[in-house]
């Protein structure tokens, strides 16, 4: 995450993230059972070639503009400590 609280740069770019072929994303993602995303990151996950989330995990997208029902995701309207704590309380692994 960038210092301003976003994963992307001011123009929506994410080219500052280094593509490191030595990273085992399957192993990395296995540490988590719950994923929190903003709308723009959610849209990136829909692009062809993205591996998706581990089986059995839950993914939440924080958005005021998406419809209430998005396949594979739970839409959360309120970005707050309470909404995140509610999600965290149901997680067995890291978020």
PDB file of N, CA and C in Angstrom:
ATOM      1  N   UNK A   1       0.857  -1.168   0.000  1.00  0.00           N
ATOM      2  CA  UNK A   1       0.000   0.000   0.000  1.00  0.00           C
ATOM      3  C   UNK A   1       0.902   1.230   0.000  1.00  0.00           C
ATOM      4  N   UNK A   2       0.490   2.252  -0.711  1.00  0.00           N
ATOM      5  CA  UNK A   2       1.254   3.486  -0.744  1.00  0.00           C
ATOM      6  C   UNK A   2       0.974   4.309   0.512  1.00  0.00           C
ATOM      7  N   UNK A   3       1.786   5.316   0.732  1.00  0.00           N
ATOM      8  CA  UNK A   3       1.675   6.146   1.932  1.00  0.00           C
ATOM      9  C   UNK A   3       0.312   6.828   2.032  1.00  0.00           C
ATOM     10  N   UNK A   4      -0.296   7.158   0.906  1.00  0.00           N
ATOM     11  CA  UNK A   4      -1.592   7.842   0.939  1.00  0.00           C
ATOM     12  C   UNK A   4      -2.763   6.877   1.133  1.00  0.00           C
ATOM     13  N   UNK A   5      -2.472   5.601   1.363  1.00  0.00           N
ATOM     14  CA  UNK A   5      -3.519   4.633   1.652  1.00  0.00           C
ATOM     15  C   UNK A   5      -4.065   3.910   0.437  1.00  0.00           C
ATOM     16  N   UNK A   6      -3.435   4.080  -0.707  1.00  0.00           N
ATOM     17  CA  UNK A   6      -3.900   3.433  -1.930  1.00  0.00           C
ATOM     18  C   UNK A   6      -2.813   2.521  -2.461  1.00  0.00           C
ATOM     19  N   UNK A   7      -3.214   1.530  -3.243  1.00  0.00           N
ATOM     20  CA  UNK A   7      -2.232   0.634  -3.843  1.00  0.00           C
ATOM     21  C   UNK A   7      -1.715   1.215  -5.163  1.00  0.00           C
ATOM     22  N   UNK A   8      -2.471   2.105  -5.785  1.00  0.00           N
ATOM     23  CA  UNK A   8      -2.095   2.682  -7.077  1.00  0.00           C
ATOM     24  C   UNK A   8      -1.504   4.078  -6.895  1.00  0.00           C
ATOM     25  N   UNK A   9      -0.814   4.528  -7.943  1.00  0.00           N
ATOM     26  CA  UNK A   9      -0.291   5.890  -7.964  1.00  0.00           C
ATOM     27  C   UNK A   9      -1.406   6.885  -8.257  1.00  0.00           C
ATOM     28  N   UNK A  10      -1.044   8.150  -8.341  1.00  0.00           N
ATOM     29  CA  UNK A  10      -2.038   9.209  -8.527  1.00  0.00           C
ATOM     30  C   UNK A  10      -2.804   9.089  -9.839  1.00  0.00           C
ATOM     31  N   UNK A  11      -2.234   8.408 -10.831  1.00  0.00           N
ATOM     32  CA  UNK A  11      -2.911   8.220 -12.114  1.00  0.00           C
ATOM     33  C   UNK A  11      -3.448   6.800 -12.286  1.00  0.00           C
ATOM     34  N   UNK A  12      -3.559   6.078 -11.178  1.00  0.00           N
ATOM     35  CA  UNK A  12      -4.086   4.721 -11.225  1.00  0.00           C
ATOM     36  C   UNK A  12      -3.055   3.661 -11.567  1.00  0.00           C
ATOM     37  N   UNK A  13      -1.812   4.043 -11.767  1.00  0.00           N
ATOM     38  CA  UNK A  13      -0.788   3.075 -12.145  1.00  0.00           C
ATOM     39  C   UNK A  13      -0.330   2.269 -10.927  1.00  0.00           C
ATOM     40  N   UNK A  14       0.118   1.070 -11.201  1.00  0.00           N
ATOM     41  CA  UNK A  14       0.667   0.231 -10.141  1.00  0.00           C
ATOM     42  C   UNK A  14       1.996  -0.347 -10.597  1.00  0.00           C
ATOM     43  N   UNK A  15       2.712   0.405 -11.434  1.00  0.00           N
ATOM     44  CA  UNK A  15       3.979  -0.045 -11.976  1.00  0.00           C
ATOM     45  C   UNK A  15       5.117  -0.023 -10.962  1.00  0.00           C
ATOM     46  N   UNK A  16       4.865   0.518  -9.787  1.00  0.00           N
ATOM     47  CA  UNK A  16       5.881   0.511  -8.736  1.00  0.00           C
ATOM     48  C   UNK A  16       5.980  -0.859  -8.060  1.00  0.00           C
ATOM     49  N   UNK A  17       5.013  -1.737  -8.319  1.00  0.00           N
ATOM     50  CA  UNK A  17       5.051  -3.086  -7.756  1.00  0.00           C
ATOM     51  C   UNK A  17       5.967  -3.924  -8.641  1.00  0.00           C
ATOM     52  N   UNK A  18       7.042  -4.415  -8.065  1.00  0.00           N
ATOM     53  CA  UNK A  18       8.031  -5.168  -8.821  1.00  0.00           C
ATOM     54  C   UNK A  18       7.523  -6.583  -9.069  1.00  0.00           C
ATOM     55  N   UNK A  19       7.594  -7.026 -10.332  1.00  0.00           N
ATOM     56  CA  UNK A  19       7.224  -8.392 -10.679  1.00  0.00           C
ATOM     57  C   UNK A  19       8.412  -9.287 -10.386  1.00  0.00           C
ATOM     58  N   UNK A  20       8.309 -10.081  -9.342  1.00  0.00           N
ATOM     59  CA  UNK A  20       9.406 -10.950  -8.918  1.00  0.00           C
ATOM     60  C   UNK A  20       9.001 -12.402  -9.144  1.00  0.00           C
ATOM     61  N   UNK A  21       9.565 -13.067 -10.148  1.00  0.00           N
ATOM     62  CA  UNK A  21       9.174 -14.443 -10.465  1.00  0.00           C
ATOM     63  C   UNK A  21       9.540 -15.444  -9.366  1.00  0.00           C
ATOM     64  N   UNK A  22      10.345 -15.039  -8.384  1.00  0.00           N
ATOM     65  CA  UNK A  22      10.703 -15.962  -7.307  1.00  0.00           C
ATOM     66  C   UNK A  22       9.640 -16.009  -6.206  1.00  0.00           C
ATOM     67  N   UNK A  23       8.654 -15.126  -6.277  1.00  0.00           N
ATOM     68  CA  UNK A  23       7.596 -15.121  -5.271  1.00  0.00           C
ATOM     69  C   UNK A  23       6.587 -16.217  -5.610  1.00  0.00           C
ATOM     70  N   UNK A  24       6.320 -17.066  -4.666  1.00  0.00           N
ATOM     71  CA  UNK A  24       5.322 -18.121  -4.811  1.00  0.00           C
ATOM     72  C   UNK A  24       4.001 -17.563  -4.278  1.00  0.00           C
ATOM     73  N   UNK A  25       3.175 -17.040  -5.167  1.00  0.00           N
ATOM     74  CA  UNK A  25       1.932 -16.403  -4.734  1.00  0.00           C
ATOM     75  C   UNK A  25       0.958 -17.398  -4.124  1.00  0.00           C
ATOM     76  N   UNK A  26       0.984 -18.647  -4.562  1.00  0.00           N
ATOM     77  CA  UNK A  26       0.138 -19.661  -3.943  1.00  0.00           C
ATOM     78  C   UNK A  26       0.487 -19.831  -2.474  1.00  0.00           C
ATOM     79  N   UNK A  27       1.773 -19.914  -2.198  1.00  0.00           N
ATOM     80  CA  UNK A  27       2.231 -20.045  -0.810  1.00  0.00           C
ATOM     81  C   UNK A  27       1.933 -18.782  -0.008  1.00  0.00           C
ATOM     82  N   UNK A  28       2.168 -17.641  -0.618  1.00  0.00           N
ATOM     83  CA  UNK A  28       1.891 -16.364   0.050  1.00  0.00           C
ATOM     84  C   UNK A  28       0.410 -16.232   0.372  1.00  0.00           C
ATOM     85  N   UNK A  29      -0.447 -16.486  -0.601  1.00  0.00           N
ATOM     86  CA  UNK A  29      -1.893 -16.340  -0.402  1.00  0.00           C
ATOM     87  C   UNK A  29      -2.452 -17.367   0.583  1.00  0.00           C
ATOM     88  N   UNK A  30      -1.770 -18.504   0.760  1.00  0.00           N
ATOM     89  CA  UNK A  30      -2.243 -19.537   1.684  1.00  0.00           C
ATOM     90  C   UNK A  30      -2.231 -19.054   3.135  1.00  0.00           C
ATOM     91  N   UNK A  31      -1.513 -17.972   3.419  1.00  0.00           N
ATOM     92  CA  UNK A  31      -1.460 -17.409   4.765  1.00  0.00           C
ATOM     93  C   UNK A  31      -2.754 -16.681   5.128  1.00  0.00           C
ATOM     94  N   UNK A  32      -3.574 -16.422   4.126  1.00  0.00           N
ATOM     95  CA  UNK A  32      -4.768 -15.603   4.315  1.00  0.00           C
ATOM     96  C   UNK A  32      -6.025 -16.395   3.976  1.00  0.00           C
ATOM     97  N   UNK A  33      -7.099 -16.075   4.651  1.00  0.00           N
ATOM     98  CA  UNK A  33      -8.380 -16.658   4.275  1.00  0.00           C
ATOM     99  C   UNK A  33      -9.410 -15.580   3.970  1.00  0.00           C
ATOM    100  N   UNK A  34      -9.000 -14.329   4.107  1.00  0.00           N
ATOM    101  CA  UNK A  34      -9.901 -13.207   3.884  1.00  0.00           C
ATOM    102  C   UNK A  34      -9.123 -12.104   3.168  1.00  0.00           C
ATOM    103  N   UNK A  35      -9.708 -11.573   2.098  1.00  0.00           N
ATOM    104  CA  UNK A  35      -9.054 -10.542   1.305  1.00  0.00           C
ATOM    105  C   UNK A  35      -9.937  -9.304   1.259  1.00  0.00           C
ATOM    106  N   UNK A  36      -9.324  -8.134   1.467  1.00  0.00           N
ATOM    107  CA  UNK A  36     -10.030  -6.856   1.435  1.00  0.00           C
ATOM    108  C   UNK A  36      -9.506  -6.057   0.253  1.00  0.00           C
ATOM    109  N   UNK A  37     -10.414  -5.582  -0.602  1.00  0.00           N
ATOM    110  CA  UNK A  37     -10.015  -4.844  -1.799  1.00  0.00           C
ATOM    111  C   UNK A  37     -10.864  -3.601  -1.952  1.00  0.00           C
ATOM    112  N   UNK A  38     -10.288  -2.617  -2.593  1.00  0.00           N
ATOM    113  CA  UNK A  38     -11.054  -1.476  -3.064  1.00  0.00           C
ATOM    114  C   UNK A  38     -11.623  -1.800  -4.435  1.00  0.00           C
ATOM    115  N   UNK A  39     -12.494  -0.940  -4.946  1.00  0.00           N
ATOM    116  CA  UNK A  39     -13.151  -1.207  -6.226  1.00  0.00           C
ATOM    117  C   UNK A  39     -12.173  -1.336  -7.380  1.00  0.00           C
ATOM    118  N   UNK A  40     -11.167  -0.459  -7.436  1.00  0.00           N
ATOM    119  CA  UNK A  40     -10.235  -0.516  -8.566  1.00  0.00           C
ATOM    120  C   UNK A  40      -9.389  -1.794  -8.537  1.00  0.00           C
ATOM    121  N   UNK A  41      -8.969  -2.213  -7.353  1.00  0.00           N
ATOM    122  CA  UNK A  41      -8.224  -3.464  -7.252  1.00  0.00           C
ATOM    123  C   UNK A  41      -9.128  -4.636  -7.602  1.00  0.00           C
ATOM    124  N   UNK A  42     -10.374  -4.582  -7.161  1.00  0.00           N
ATOM    125  CA  UNK A  42     -11.362  -5.603  -7.535  1.00  0.00           C
ATOM    126  C   UNK A  42     -11.433  -5.717  -9.060  1.00  0.00           C
ATOM    127  N   UNK A  43     -11.504  -4.588  -9.762  1.00  0.00           N
ATOM    128  CA  UNK A  43     -11.591  -4.605 -11.224  1.00  0.00           C
ATOM    129  C   UNK A  43     -10.364  -5.261 -11.841  1.00  0.00           C
ATOM    130  N   UNK A  44      -9.192  -5.071 -11.233  1.00  0.00           N
ATOM    131  CA  UNK A  44      -7.981  -5.725 -11.736  1.00  0.00           C
ATOM    132  C   UNK A  44      -8.072  -7.238 -11.604  1.00  0.00           C
ATOM    133  N   UNK A  45      -8.737  -7.723 -10.552  1.00  0.00           N
ATOM    134  CA  UNK A  45      -8.850  -9.170 -10.358  1.00  0.00           C
ATOM    135  C   UNK A  45      -9.717  -9.826 -11.426  1.00  0.00           C
ATOM    136  N   UNK A  46     -10.502  -9.041 -12.138  1.00  0.00           N
ATOM    137  CA  UNK A  46     -11.372  -9.577 -13.186  1.00  0.00           C
ATOM    138  C   UNK A  46     -10.657  -9.757 -14.522  1.00  0.00           C
ATOM    139  N   UNK A  47      -9.440  -9.220 -14.623  1.00  0.00           N
ATOM    140  CA  UNK A  47      -8.694  -9.302 -15.869  1.00  0.00           C
ATOM    141  C   UNK A  47      -8.233 -10.732 -16.139  1.00  0.00           C
ATOM    142  N   UNK A  48      -8.196 -11.131 -17.404  1.00  0.00           N
ATOM    143  CA  UNK A  48      -7.733 -12.483 -17.752  1.00  0.00           C
ATOM    144  C   UNK A  48      -6.321 -12.734 -17.233  1.00  0.00           C
ATOM    145  N   UNK A  49      -6.101 -13.956 -16.783  1.00  0.00           N
ATOM    146  CA  UNK A  49      -4.775 -14.342 -16.318  1.00  0.00           C
ATOM    147  C   UNK A  49      -4.558 -14.189 -14.824  1.00  0.00           C
ATOM    148  N   UNK A  50      -5.480 -13.547 -14.136  1.00  0.00           N
ATOM    149  CA  UNK A  50      -5.335 -13.425 -12.691  1.00  0.00           C
ATOM    150  C   UNK A  50      -5.700 -14.750 -12.037  1.00  0.00           C
ATOM    151  N   UNK A  51      -4.889 -15.181 -11.060  1.00  0.00           N
ATOM    152  CA  UNK A  51      -5.074 -16.518 -10.500  1.00  0.00           C
ATOM    153  C   UNK A  51      -6.280 -16.684  -9.583  1.00  0.00           C
ATOM    154  N   UNK A  52      -6.861 -15.611  -9.126  1.00  0.00           N
ATOM    155  CA  UNK A  52      -7.976 -15.730  -8.198  1.00  0.00           C
ATOM    156  C   UNK A  52      -7.500 -15.953  -6.780  1.00  0.00           C
ATOM    157  N   UNK A  53      -8.431 -16.174  -5.898  1.00  0.00           N
ATOM    158  CA  UNK A  53      -8.127 -16.348  -4.487  1.00  0.00           C
ATOM    159  C   UNK A  53      -8.167 -17.821  -4.136  1.00  0.00           C
ATOM    160  N   UNK A  54      -7.484 -18.213  -3.056  1.00  0.00           N
ATOM    161  CA  UNK A  54      -7.476 -19.628  -2.666  1.00  0.00           C
ATOM    162  C   UNK A  54      -8.888 -20.157  -2.401  1.00  0.00           C
ATOM    163  N   UNK A  55      -9.092 -21.417  -2.697  1.00  0.00           N
ATOM    164  CA  UNK A  55     -10.374 -22.078  -2.449  1.00  0.00           C
ATOM    165  C   UNK A  55     -10.731 -21.942  -0.970  1.00  0.00           C
ATOM    166  N   UNK A  56     -11.965 -21.596  -0.713  1.00  0.00           N
ATOM    167  CA  UNK A  56     -12.440 -21.464   0.659  1.00  0.00           C
ATOM    168  C   UNK A  56     -12.215 -20.107   1.284  1.00  0.00           C
ATOM    169  N   UNK A  57     -11.502 -19.229   0.593  1.00  0.00           N
ATOM    170  CA  UNK A  57     -11.275 -17.902   1.151  1.00  0.00           C
ATOM    171  C   UNK A  57     -12.460 -16.992   0.837  1.00  0.00           C
ATOM    172  N   UNK A  58     -12.510 -15.872   1.519  1.00  0.00           N
ATOM    173  CA  UNK A  58     -13.569 -14.891   1.304  1.00  0.00           C
ATOM    174  C   UNK A  58     -12.923 -13.592   0.843  1.00  0.00           C
ATOM    175  N   UNK A  59     -13.590 -12.894  -0.046  1.00  0.00           N
ATOM    176  CA  UNK A  59     -13.084 -11.630  -0.560  1.00  0.00           C
ATOM    177  C   UNK A  59     -14.156 -10.560  -0.407  1.00  0.00           C
ATOM    178  N   UNK A  60     -13.740  -9.422   0.119  1.00  0.00           N
ATOM    179  CA  UNK A  60     -14.632  -8.289   0.336  1.00  0.00           C
ATOM    180  C   UNK A  60     -14.132  -7.125  -0.493  1.00  0.00           C
ATOM    181  N   UNK A  61     -15.046  -6.465  -1.174  1.00  0.00           N
ATOM    182  CA  UNK A  61     -14.684  -5.274  -1.937  1.00  0.00           C
ATOM    183  C   UNK A  61     -15.433  -4.087  -1.330  1.00  0.00           C
ATOM    184  N   UNK A  62     -14.671  -3.056  -0.987  1.00  0.00           N
ATOM    185  CA  UNK A  62     -15.245  -1.838  -0.421  1.00  0.00           C
ATOM    186  C   UNK A  62     -15.599  -0.910  -1.570  1.00  0.00           C
ATOM    187  N   UNK A  63     -16.883  -0.644  -1.727  1.00  0.00           N
ATOM    188  CA  UNK A  63     -17.339   0.183  -2.840  1.00  0.00           C
ATOM    189  C   UNK A  63     -18.713   0.762  -2.544  1.00  0.00           C
ATOM    190  N   UNK A  64     -18.884   2.001  -2.958  1.00  0.00           N
ATOM    191  CA  UNK A  64     -20.201   2.635  -2.881  1.00  0.00           C
ATOM    192  C   UNK A  64     -20.900   2.602  -4.234  1.00  0.00           C
ATOM    193  N   UNK A  65     -20.194   2.123  -5.273  1.00  0.00           N
ATOM    194  CA  UNK A  65     -20.739   2.182  -6.628  1.00  0.00           C
ATOM    195  C   UNK A  65     -21.083   0.824  -7.228  1.00  0.00           C
ATOM    196  N   UNK A  66     -20.521  -0.256  -6.712  1.00  0.00           N
ATOM    197  CA  UNK A  66     -20.828  -1.583  -7.253  1.00  0.00           C
ATOM    198  C   UNK A  66     -22.227  -2.013  -6.825  1.00  0.00           C
ATOM    199  N   UNK A  67     -22.835  -2.908  -7.595  1.00  0.00           N
ATOM    200  CA  UNK A  67     -24.132  -3.453  -7.166  1.00  0.00           C
ATOM    201  C   UNK A  67     -23.956  -4.280  -5.883  1.00  0.00           C
ATOM    202  N   UNK A  68     -25.060  -4.541  -5.217  1.00  0.00           N
ATOM    203  CA  UNK A  68     -25.001  -5.284  -3.956  1.00  0.00           C
ATOM    204  C   UNK A  68     -24.499  -6.708  -4.132  1.00  0.00           C
ATOM    205  N   UNK A  69     -24.776  -7.323  -5.258  1.00  0.00           N
ATOM    206  CA  UNK A  69     -24.397  -8.718  -5.474  1.00  0.00           C
ATOM    207  C   UNK A  69     -23.356  -8.804  -6.590  1.00  0.00           C
ATOM    208  N   UNK A  70     -22.144  -9.167  -6.203  1.00  0.00           N
ATOM    209  CA  UNK A  70     -21.040  -9.346  -7.139  1.00  0.00           C
ATOM    210  C   UNK A  70     -20.527 -10.768  -6.946  1.00  0.00           C
ATOM    211  N   UNK A  71     -20.587 -11.616  -7.973  1.00  0.00           N
ATOM    212  CA  UNK A  71     -20.191 -13.019  -7.818  1.00  0.00           C
ATOM    213  C   UNK A  71     -18.780 -13.176  -7.229  1.00  0.00           C
ATOM    214  N   UNK A  72     -18.685 -13.961  -6.164  1.00  0.00           N
ATOM    215  CA  UNK A  72     -17.400 -14.260  -5.551  1.00  0.00           C
ATOM    216  C   UNK A  72     -16.915 -13.243  -4.542  1.00  0.00           C
ATOM    217  N   UNK A  73     -17.654 -12.157  -4.372  1.00  0.00           N
ATOM    218  CA  UNK A  73     -17.241 -11.091  -3.458  1.00  0.00           C
ATOM    219  C   UNK A  73     -18.419 -10.659  -2.598  1.00  0.00           C
ATOM    220  N   UNK A  74     -18.104 -10.173  -1.420  1.00  0.00           N
ATOM    221  CA  UNK A  74     -19.095  -9.485  -0.594  1.00  0.00           C
ATOM    222  C   UNK A  74     -18.813  -8.003  -0.717  1.00  0.00           C
ATOM    223  N   UNK A  75     -19.830  -7.227  -1.040  1.00  0.00           N
ATOM    224  CA  UNK A  75     -19.666  -5.784  -1.183  1.00  0.00           C
ATOM    225  C   UNK A  75     -19.922  -5.125   0.163  1.00  0.00           C
ATOM    226  N   UNK A  76     -18.991  -4.268   0.578  1.00  0.00           N
ATOM    227  CA  UNK A  76     -19.108  -3.543   1.831  1.00  0.00           C
ATOM    228  C   UNK A  76     -19.184  -2.061   1.493  1.00  0.00           C
ATOM    229  N   UNK A  77     -20.218  -1.407   1.938  1.00  0.00           N
ATOM    230  CA  UNK A  77     -20.430   0.012   1.614  1.00  0.00           C
ATOM    231  C   UNK A  77     -19.660   0.952   2.545  1.00  0.00           C
ATOM    232  N   UNK A  78     -19.536   0.559   3.797  1.00  0.00           N
ATOM    233  CA  UNK A  78     -18.948   1.448   4.800  1.00  0.00           C
ATOM    234  C   UNK A  78     -17.496   1.067   5.080  1.00  0.00           C
ATOM    235  N   UNK A  79     -16.592   1.994   4.826  1.00  0.00           N
ATOM    236  CA  UNK A  79     -15.191   1.784   5.168  1.00  0.00           C
ATOM    237  C   UNK A  79     -14.998   2.370   6.567  1.00  0.00           C
ATOM    238  N   UNK A  80     -14.954   1.484   7.541  1.00  0.00           N
ATOM    239  CA  UNK A  80     -14.825   1.951   8.921  1.00  0.00           C
ATOM    240  C   UNK A  80     -14.138   0.884   9.757  1.00  0.00           C
ATOM    241  N   UNK A  81     -13.710   1.278  10.919  1.00  0.00           N
ATOM    242  CA  UNK A  81     -13.100   0.334  11.856  1.00  0.00           C
ATOM    243  C   UNK A  81     -14.092  -0.781  12.181  1.00  0.00           C
ATOM    244  N   UNK A  82     -15.362  -0.418  12.385  1.00  0.00           N
ATOM    245  CA  UNK A  82     -16.377  -1.422  12.728  1.00  0.00           C
ATOM    246  C   UNK A  82     -16.576  -2.442  11.617  1.00  0.00           C
ATOM    247  N   UNK A  83     -16.615  -1.983  10.359  1.00  0.00           N
ATOM    248  CA  UNK A  83     -16.830  -2.935   9.261  1.00  0.00           C
ATOM    249  C   UNK A  83     -15.649  -3.894   9.128  1.00  0.00           C
ATOM    250  N   UNK A  84     -14.432  -3.377   9.294  1.00  0.00           N
ATOM    251  CA  UNK A  84     -13.247  -4.238   9.196  1.00  0.00           C
ATOM    252  C   UNK A  84     -13.174  -5.184  10.392  1.00  0.00           C
ATOM    253  N   UNK A  85     -13.466  -4.694  11.574  1.00  0.00           N
ATOM    254  CA  UNK A  85     -13.442  -5.561  12.763  1.00  0.00           C
ATOM    255  C   UNK A  85     -14.481  -6.673  12.664  1.00  0.00           C
ATOM    256  N   UNK A  86     -15.623  -6.385  12.087  1.00  0.00           N
ATOM    257  CA  UNK A  86     -16.642  -7.408  11.894  1.00  0.00           C
ATOM    258  C   UNK A  86     -16.128  -8.507  10.966  1.00  0.00           C
ATOM    259  N   UNK A  87     -15.458  -8.122   9.896  1.00  0.00           N
ATOM    260  CA  UNK A  87     -14.873  -9.090   8.965  1.00  0.00           C
ATOM    261  C   UNK A  87     -13.751  -9.864   9.653  1.00  0.00           C
ATOM    262  N   UNK A  88     -12.895  -9.157  10.361  1.00  0.00           N
ATOM    263  CA  UNK A  88     -11.749  -9.780  11.039  1.00  0.00           C
ATOM    264  C   UNK A  88     -12.204 -10.815  12.069  1.00  0.00           C
ATOM    265  N   UNK A  89     -13.306 -10.547  12.733  1.00  0.00           N
ATOM    266  CA  UNK A  89     -13.773 -11.458  13.785  1.00  0.00           C
ATOM    267  C   UNK A  89     -14.182 -12.819  13.227  1.00  0.00           C
ATOM    268  N   UNK A  90     -14.457 -12.898  11.939  1.00  0.00           N
ATOM    269  CA  UNK A  90     -14.858 -14.158  11.314  1.00  0.00           C
ATOM    270  C   UNK A  90     -13.712 -14.847  10.562  1.00  0.00           C
ATOM    271  N   UNK A  91     -12.550 -14.236  10.559  1.00  0.00           N
ATOM    272  CA  UNK A  91     -11.410 -14.801   9.839  1.00  0.00           C
ATOM    273  C   UNK A  91     -10.649 -15.774  10.726  1.00  0.00           C
ATOM    274  N   UNK A  92     -10.233 -16.890  10.155  1.00  0.00           N
ATOM    275  CA  UNK A  92      -9.425 -17.858  10.885  1.00  0.00           C
ATOM    276  C   UNK A  92      -7.938 -17.595  10.685  1.00  0.00           C
ATOM    277  N   UNK A  93      -7.589 -16.956   9.567  1.00  0.00           N
ATOM    278  CA  UNK A  93      -6.198 -16.632   9.262  1.00  0.00           C
ATOM    279  C   UNK A  93      -6.074 -15.115   9.144  1.00  0.00           C
ATOM    280  N   UNK A  94      -4.955 -14.668   8.617  1.00  0.00           N
ATOM    281  CA  UNK A  94      -4.741 -13.238   8.425  1.00  0.00           C
ATOM    282  C   UNK A  94      -5.632 -12.675   7.347  1.00  0.00           C
ATOM    283  N   UNK A  95      -5.823 -11.347   7.402  1.00  0.00           N
ATOM    284  CA  UNK A  95      -6.560 -10.626   6.360  1.00  0.00           C
ATOM    285  C   UNK A  95      -5.568 -10.128   5.341  1.00  0.00           C
TER     286      UNK A  95
END
